[in-house]
Amino acid sequence: MVLFSVVMPVYNKVATLSASLECLYHQTFRDFEVIAVDDGSTDGSLELLRRHALAGRLRLFQRDTPGPGGYAARNHGAEQASGQWLVFFDADDLLLFDHLSRFADAIASHSGIELFVNAYQKMENHQRLPRFEGLPEGVLSRRQALDAFASCDFIHMNGACLRRERFLAMGGFPERRYRRGGDVYFWLKVLCELEALHYDDTVTSLWLLEHSGITRNKSNLAHVHPGVDLLVEYERCLPRVERRLLWSAVNRKVLSWAVEKKQLGHSVRPDLRALRLGGMSLRHWLHAATLLVPQPYYDRLRGWVK
């Protein structure tokens, strides 16, 4: 049994797949396996994965029908994994050489923790973008983690490491429910379930925005953010302070989606109705107010709020 199973869903990523695999093979920590799940690729990705599988560099599994967001492929990979810990990695992003070694060191020092998070950074046009800083390193309580998520998406798919047994017990990613946002739904669910996590502020993964087809496809914004469903499931299970922090975290995501919808000229009233007033910050109120402004004046007010 290996320590880590790195699960990589692949759907038509032949242009980036080789680079992503190479950064996995160059990890300084070696006790891991690569689980590649092809999700019905038609661009040559499957043939490339087959060559790597024949060379013994990865284990390959196939699905016939692409699943929205890659959630079903990740779940399938997790079910087939032999590692104690799951690390998820997108086939169009990059990992730095110490990604797994930093997880391994943190796991060795904190045996009771089930979720470990390394910092990530967005990249666009070969430039690293500014990132949110200021989160405390080390073990964070659920309250601290929810408070952090109310300010920023400090957990990214590529930057998380979760005990496999916990992942399977929670049912994995919501593969049949959402086209986008299911990852945020899942990580918030994990935060509600766990008492604590470990956070490392060292950047070990790079999210290449120019390849983010799921995020750029605005048709995936048809409904309110999946975090609203999570509130129905978990808000009554949390103490009052943590419940308000969860409200605030979900409000931030709901408003973020609503901003994208407004820019497309779509109705945002369902999003505004979904907000939890008890979790509204001043910034949330300002964003909500601008969303009610008629479209011709919206862009000017958005610039002022920023």
Protein backbone atom coordinates (compact mmCIF):
# COMPACT_ATOMS: atom_id res chain seq x y z
CA MET A 1 0.00 0.00 0.00
CA VAL A 2 1.32 3.43 -0.96
CA LEU A 3 0.89 6.54 1.17
CA PHE A 4 -0.72 8.70 -1.53
CA SER A 5 -2.99 8.01 -4.46
CA VAL A 6 -2.94 10.96 -6.86
CA VAL A 7 -6.24 10.89 -8.74
CA MET A 8 -6.27 12.66 -12.11
CA PRO A 9 -9.46 12.92 -14.18
CA VAL A 10 -8.74 13.40 -17.88
CA TYR A 11 -11.08 14.65 -20.58
CA ASN A 12 -9.52 15.92 -23.82
CA LYS A 13 -6.34 17.30 -22.21
CA VAL A 14 -3.73 16.08 -24.69
CA ALA A 15 -2.25 19.60 -25.03
CA THR A 16 -1.36 19.80 -21.32
CA LEU A 17 -1.35 16.21 -20.13
CA SER A 18 2.35 15.44 -20.68
CA ALA A 19 3.49 18.48 -18.68
CA SER A 20 1.10 17.68 -15.84
CA LEU A 21 2.26 14.07 -15.67
CA GLU A 22 5.91 15.07 -15.72
CA CYS A 23 5.53 17.29 -12.67
CA LEU A 24 4.03 14.30 -10.87
CA TYR A 25 6.91 12.05 -11.85
CA HIS A 26 9.38 14.63 -10.52
CA GLN A 27 7.99 14.73 -7.00
CA THR A 28 10.75 14.30 -4.41
CA PHE A 29 8.46 12.08 -2.30
CA ARG A 30 8.14 8.76 -4.08
CA ASP A 31 5.64 6.64 -2.11
CA PHE A 32 2.62 7.30 -4.30
CA GLU A 33 0.65 5.98 -7.25
CA VAL A 34 -1.00 7.86 -10.08
CA ILE A 35 -4.62 6.95 -10.82
CA ALA A 36 -5.67 8.35 -14.20
CA VAL A 37 -9.35 8.17 -15.11
CA ASP A 38 -10.08 8.95 -18.74
CA ASP A 39 -13.58 10.38 -19.04
CA GLY A 40 -14.25 9.55 -22.69
CA SER A 41 -11.48 11.58 -24.34
CA THR A 42 -11.46 11.87 -28.13
CA ASP A 43 -8.33 14.01 -28.69
CA GLY A 44 -5.54 11.49 -28.12
CA SER A 45 -5.41 11.79 -24.33
CA LEU A 46 -6.42 8.15 -23.87
CA GLU A 47 -3.69 6.90 -26.18
CA LEU A 48 -1.10 8.96 -24.28
CA LEU A 49 -2.34 7.58 -20.96
CA ARG A 50 -2.17 4.03 -22.34
CA ARG A 51 1.51 4.50 -23.19
CA HIS A 52 2.25 5.71 -19.67
CA ALA A 53 0.23 2.83 -18.19
CA LEU A 54 2.15 0.27 -20.26
CA ALA A 55 5.39 1.81 -18.99
CA GLY A 56 4.16 1.25 -15.43
CA ARG A 57 3.99 4.93 -14.58
CA LEU A 58 0.29 5.06 -13.77
CA ARG A 59 -2.85 2.97 -13.36
CA LEU A 60 -5.45 3.74 -16.01
CA PHE A 61 -9.22 3.47 -15.76
CA GLN A 62 -11.81 4.47 -18.33
CA ARG A 63 -15.32 5.87 -18.29
CA ASP A 64 -17.43 5.96 -21.45
CA THR A 65 -19.50 9.06 -20.76
CA PRO A 66 -17.93 12.35 -19.63
CA GLY A 67 -19.20 13.50 -16.23
CA PRO A 68 -19.78 17.21 -15.61
CA GLY A 69 -16.93 18.76 -13.63
CA GLY A 70 -14.95 15.53 -13.49
CA TYR A 71 -16.58 14.64 -10.17
CA ALA A 72 -17.61 11.13 -11.20
CA ALA A 73 -14.13 10.42 -12.57
CA ARG A 74 -12.52 11.54 -9.30
CA ASN A 75 -14.90 9.36 -7.31
CA HIS A 76 -14.12 6.37 -9.51
CA GLY A 77 -10.41 6.94 -9.09
CA ALA A 78 -10.78 7.20 -5.33
CA GLU A 79 -12.65 3.90 -5.23
CA GLN A 80 -9.84 2.18 -7.14
CA ALA A 81 -7.03 3.78 -5.15
CA SER A 82 -4.79 1.81 -2.81
CA GLY A 83 -3.27 4.77 -0.95
CA GLN A 84 -4.16 5.83 2.57
CA TRP A 85 -4.48 9.44 1.41
CA LEU A 86 -6.11 10.96 -1.68
CA VAL A 87 -4.58 13.84 -3.58
CA PHE A 88 -6.53 15.24 -6.54
CA PHE A 89 -4.81 16.83 -9.51
CA ASP A 90 -6.21 18.31 -12.71
CA ALA A 91 -4.59 17.32 -15.99
CA ASP A 92 -4.11 20.92 -17.11
CA ASP A 93 -2.37 22.34 -14.03
CA LEU A 94 1.06 22.01 -12.41
CA LEU A 95 2.52 20.77 -9.13
CA LEU A 96 5.81 21.92 -7.66
CA PHE A 97 8.38 19.29 -6.70
CA ASP A 98 7.62 19.37 -2.95
CA HIS A 99 3.83 19.05 -3.14
CA LEU A 100 3.66 15.50 -1.80
CA SER A 101 6.67 15.78 0.51
CA ARG A 102 5.07 18.66 2.40
CA PHE A 103 1.90 16.62 2.83
CA ALA A 104 3.95 13.65 4.05
CA ASP A 105 5.83 15.75 6.61
CA ALA A 106 2.61 17.31 7.91
CA ILE A 107 0.87 13.92 8.16
CA ALA A 108 3.81 12.50 10.14
CA SER A 109 3.56 15.39 12.62
CA HIS A 110 -0.24 15.46 13.02
CA SER A 111 -1.61 11.93 13.21
CA GLY A 112 -5.12 12.96 14.25
CA ILE A 113 -5.78 15.25 11.28
CA GLU A 114 -7.66 13.97 8.21
CA LEU A 115 -7.48 16.98 5.87
CA PHE A 116 -4.25 18.70 4.85
CA VAL A 117 -4.16 21.78 2.64
CA ASN A 118 -1.22 23.33 0.80
CA ALA A 119 -1.42 26.83 -0.62
CA TYR A 120 -1.95 27.25 -4.36
CA GLN A 121 -1.57 30.14 -6.76
CA LYS A 122 -3.44 31.12 -9.90
CA MET A 123 -1.52 31.68 -13.12
CA GLU A 124 -2.58 33.39 -16.32
CA ASN A 125 -0.48 34.06 -19.42
CA HIS A 126 2.55 32.56 -17.65
CA GLN A 127 2.28 35.05 -14.79
CA ARG A 128 1.47 34.22 -11.19
CA LEU A 129 -1.44 36.30 -9.91
CA PRO A 130 -1.59 37.90 -6.44
CA ARG A 131 -3.03 35.55 -3.84
CA PHE A 132 -4.70 35.91 -0.47
CA GLU A 133 -2.20 35.71 2.37
CA GLY A 134 -2.52 35.93 6.11
CA LEU A 135 -4.01 32.56 7.04
CA PRO A 136 -2.23 31.06 10.05
CA GLU A 137 -0.12 28.02 9.32
CA GLY A 138 -0.52 24.78 11.22
CA VAL A 139 -3.62 23.21 12.71
CA LEU A 140 -6.80 25.24 12.19
CA SER A 141 -9.98 24.57 14.11
CA ARG A 142 -13.26 24.26 12.24
CA ARG A 143 -14.14 27.76 13.35
CA GLN A 144 -10.86 29.15 12.00
CA ALA A 145 -11.25 27.24 8.74
CA LEU A 146 -14.82 28.48 8.16
CA ASP A 147 -13.72 31.99 8.99
CA ALA A 148 -10.94 31.68 6.41
CA PHE A 149 -13.32 30.34 3.77
CA ALA A 150 -15.60 33.31 4.40
CA SER A 151 -12.73 35.45 3.07
CA CYS A 152 -11.21 33.36 0.28
CA ASP A 153 -11.11 29.96 -1.42
CA PHE A 154 -8.08 28.75 0.47
CA ILE A 155 -8.83 25.12 -0.46
CA HIS A 156 -8.34 24.21 -4.12
CA MET A 157 -8.82 20.82 -5.75
CA ASN A 158 -5.09 20.52 -6.45
CA GLY A 159 -4.05 21.62 -2.98
CA ALA A 160 -5.94 19.23 -0.73
CA CYS A 161 -5.05 15.86 0.74
CA LEU A 162 -7.81 13.88 2.46
CA ARG A 163 -7.78 10.51 4.18
CA ARG A 164 -9.31 8.03 1.72
CA GLU A 165 -11.57 6.38 4.30
CA ARG A 166 -13.06 9.77 5.18
CA PHE A 167 -13.62 10.63 1.51
CA LEU A 168 -15.44 7.38 0.82
CA ALA A 169 -17.50 7.62 4.02
CA MET A 170 -18.71 11.07 2.92
CA GLY A 171 -19.81 9.76 -0.46
CA GLY A 172 -17.21 11.62 -2.50
CA PHE A 173 -17.92 14.54 -4.79
CA PRO A 174 -21.56 15.26 -5.74
CA GLU A 175 -21.24 13.77 -9.21
CA ARG A 176 -24.87 13.83 -10.33
CA ARG A 177 -25.93 17.14 -8.82
CA TYR A 178 -23.80 19.99 -10.18
CA ARG A 179 -21.88 20.99 -13.30
CA ARG A 180 -19.78 23.52 -11.39
CA GLY A 181 -19.25 24.35 -7.74
CA GLY A 182 -19.45 20.77 -6.53
CA ASP A 183 -15.88 20.98 -5.29
CA VAL A 184 -16.68 23.99 -3.07
CA TYR A 185 -19.77 22.16 -1.83
CA PHE A 186 -17.60 19.17 -0.93
CA TRP A 187 -14.80 21.08 0.82
CA LEU A 188 -17.30 23.03 2.89
CA LYS A 189 -18.96 19.73 3.76
CA VAL A 190 -15.59 18.38 4.91
CA LEU A 191 -15.05 21.46 7.07
CA CYS A 192 -18.46 20.94 8.69
CA GLU A 193 -17.64 17.28 9.37
CA LEU A 194 -14.11 17.66 10.76
CA GLU A 195 -12.96 19.33 13.95
CA ALA A 196 -9.69 20.60 12.45
CA LEU A 197 -7.38 20.63 9.43
CA HIS A 198 -3.74 21.43 8.74
CA TYR A 199 -2.77 24.36 6.51
CA ASP A 200 0.64 24.97 4.90
CA ASP A 201 1.09 28.44 3.40
CA THR A 202 3.81 27.26 1.00
CA VAL A 203 2.57 27.30 -2.59
CA THR A 204 2.95 23.83 -4.10
CA SER A 205 0.41 23.88 -6.95
CA LEU A 206 -0.40 26.23 -9.81
CA TRP A 207 -3.88 26.67 -11.22
CA LEU A 208 -3.58 27.65 -14.89
CA LEU A 209 -6.68 29.74 -15.54
CA GLU A 210 -6.47 29.69 -19.33
CA HIS A 211 -7.31 25.97 -19.23
CA SER A 212 -10.30 26.24 -16.87
CA GLY A 213 -13.10 25.32 -19.24
CA ILE A 214 -15.56 24.49 -16.45
CA THR A 215 -15.12 27.91 -14.87
CA ARG A 216 -15.22 29.78 -18.17
CA ASN A 217 -18.37 28.04 -19.39
CA LYS A 218 -21.06 30.40 -18.13
CA SER A 219 -23.84 27.92 -18.91
CA ASN A 220 -22.70 26.13 -15.73
CA LEU A 221 -24.12 29.04 -13.71
CA ALA A 222 -27.75 28.12 -14.39
CA HIS A 223 -28.66 27.62 -10.73
CA VAL A 224 -27.70 29.20 -7.42
CA HIS A 225 -24.39 28.13 -5.93
CA PRO A 226 -24.34 24.53 -4.58
CA GLY A 227 -23.28 25.88 -1.19
CA VAL A 228 -26.91 26.84 -0.61
CA ASP A 229 -27.82 23.15 -0.58
CA LEU A 230 -25.07 22.52 1.95
CA LEU A 231 -26.65 25.04 4.33
CA VAL A 232 -29.86 23.05 4.36
CA GLU A 233 -27.90 19.93 5.26
CA TYR A 234 -25.46 21.29 7.84
CA GLU A 235 -26.35 24.68 9.30
CA ARG A 236 -28.39 23.22 12.14
CA CYS A 237 -25.57 20.85 13.07
CA LEU A 238 -23.13 23.63 13.92
CA PRO A 239 -22.80 25.90 16.98
CA ARG A 240 -24.12 29.44 16.48
CA VAL A 241 -20.77 31.11 15.74
CA GLU A 242 -19.70 28.43 13.26
CA ARG A 243 -23.13 28.50 11.63
CA ARG A 244 -22.81 32.24 10.99
CA LEU A 245 -19.34 31.73 9.52
CA LEU A 246 -20.72 29.04 7.21
CA TRP A 247 -23.48 31.46 6.16
CA SER A 248 -20.84 34.07 5.40
CA ALA A 249 -18.73 31.62 3.37
CA VAL A 250 -21.72 30.53 1.29
CA ASN A 251 -22.93 34.13 0.86
CA ARG A 252 -19.54 35.01 -0.62
CA LYS A 253 -19.83 32.22 -3.20
CA VAL A 254 -23.48 33.00 -4.00
CA LEU A 255 -22.62 36.64 -4.65
CA SER A 256 -19.60 35.67 -6.73
CA TRP A 257 -21.82 33.61 -9.02
CA ALA A 258 -24.44 36.36 -9.08
CA VAL A 259 -21.82 38.85 -10.26
CA GLU A 260 -20.96 36.57 -13.20
CA LYS A 261 -24.65 36.20 -14.02
CA LYS A 262 -25.24 39.95 -13.83
CA GLN A 263 -22.39 40.57 -16.24
CA LEU A 264 -24.14 38.23 -18.68
CA GLY A 265 -27.44 40.02 -18.25
CA HIS A 266 -29.09 37.13 -16.39
CA SER A 267 -31.51 37.44 -13.48
CA VAL A 268 -29.87 37.35 -10.04
CA ARG A 269 -33.02 37.45 -7.93
CA PRO A 270 -32.86 33.72 -7.05
CA ASP A 271 -29.29 34.27 -5.85
CA LEU A 272 -30.21 37.26 -3.71
CA ARG A 273 -33.11 35.35 -2.18
CA ALA A 274 -30.70 32.56 -1.22
CA LEU A 275 -28.49 34.83 0.91
CA ARG A 276 -28.46 34.28 4.68
CA LEU A 277 -28.89 37.71 6.22
CA GLY A 278 -27.21 36.62 9.44
CA GLY A 279 -24.01 35.99 7.51
CA MET A 280 -23.89 39.25 5.56
CA SER A 281 -20.81 41.44 5.91
CA LEU A 282 -20.66 45.08 4.80
CA ARG A 283 -18.92 43.98 1.61
CA HIS A 284 -21.69 41.45 0.95
CA TRP A 285 -24.34 44.15 1.36
CA LEU A 286 -22.50 46.42 -1.07
CA HIS A 287 -22.24 43.68 -3.67
CA ALA A 288 -25.90 42.77 -3.22
CA ALA A 289 -26.95 46.40 -3.61
CA THR A 290 -25.03 46.80 -6.86
CA LEU A 291 -26.66 43.67 -8.24
CA LEU A 292 -30.04 45.41 -8.01
CA VAL A 293 -28.88 48.31 -10.16
CA PRO A 294 -30.16 48.36 -13.77
CA GLN A 295 -27.71 46.83 -16.19
CA PRO A 296 -26.52 50.07 -17.92
CA TYR A 297 -25.18 51.44 -14.63
CA TYR A 298 -23.90 48.19 -13.18
CA ASP A 299 -20.33 48.16 -14.48
CA ARG A 300 -19.62 51.66 -13.15
CA LEU A 301 -20.88 50.79 -9.66
CA ARG A 302 -18.96 47.52 -9.64
CA GLY A 303 -15.77 49.43 -10.26
CA TRP A 304 -16.54 51.70 -7.32
CA VAL A 305 -17.24 48.80 -4.92
CA LYS A 306 -13.96 47.11 -5.82
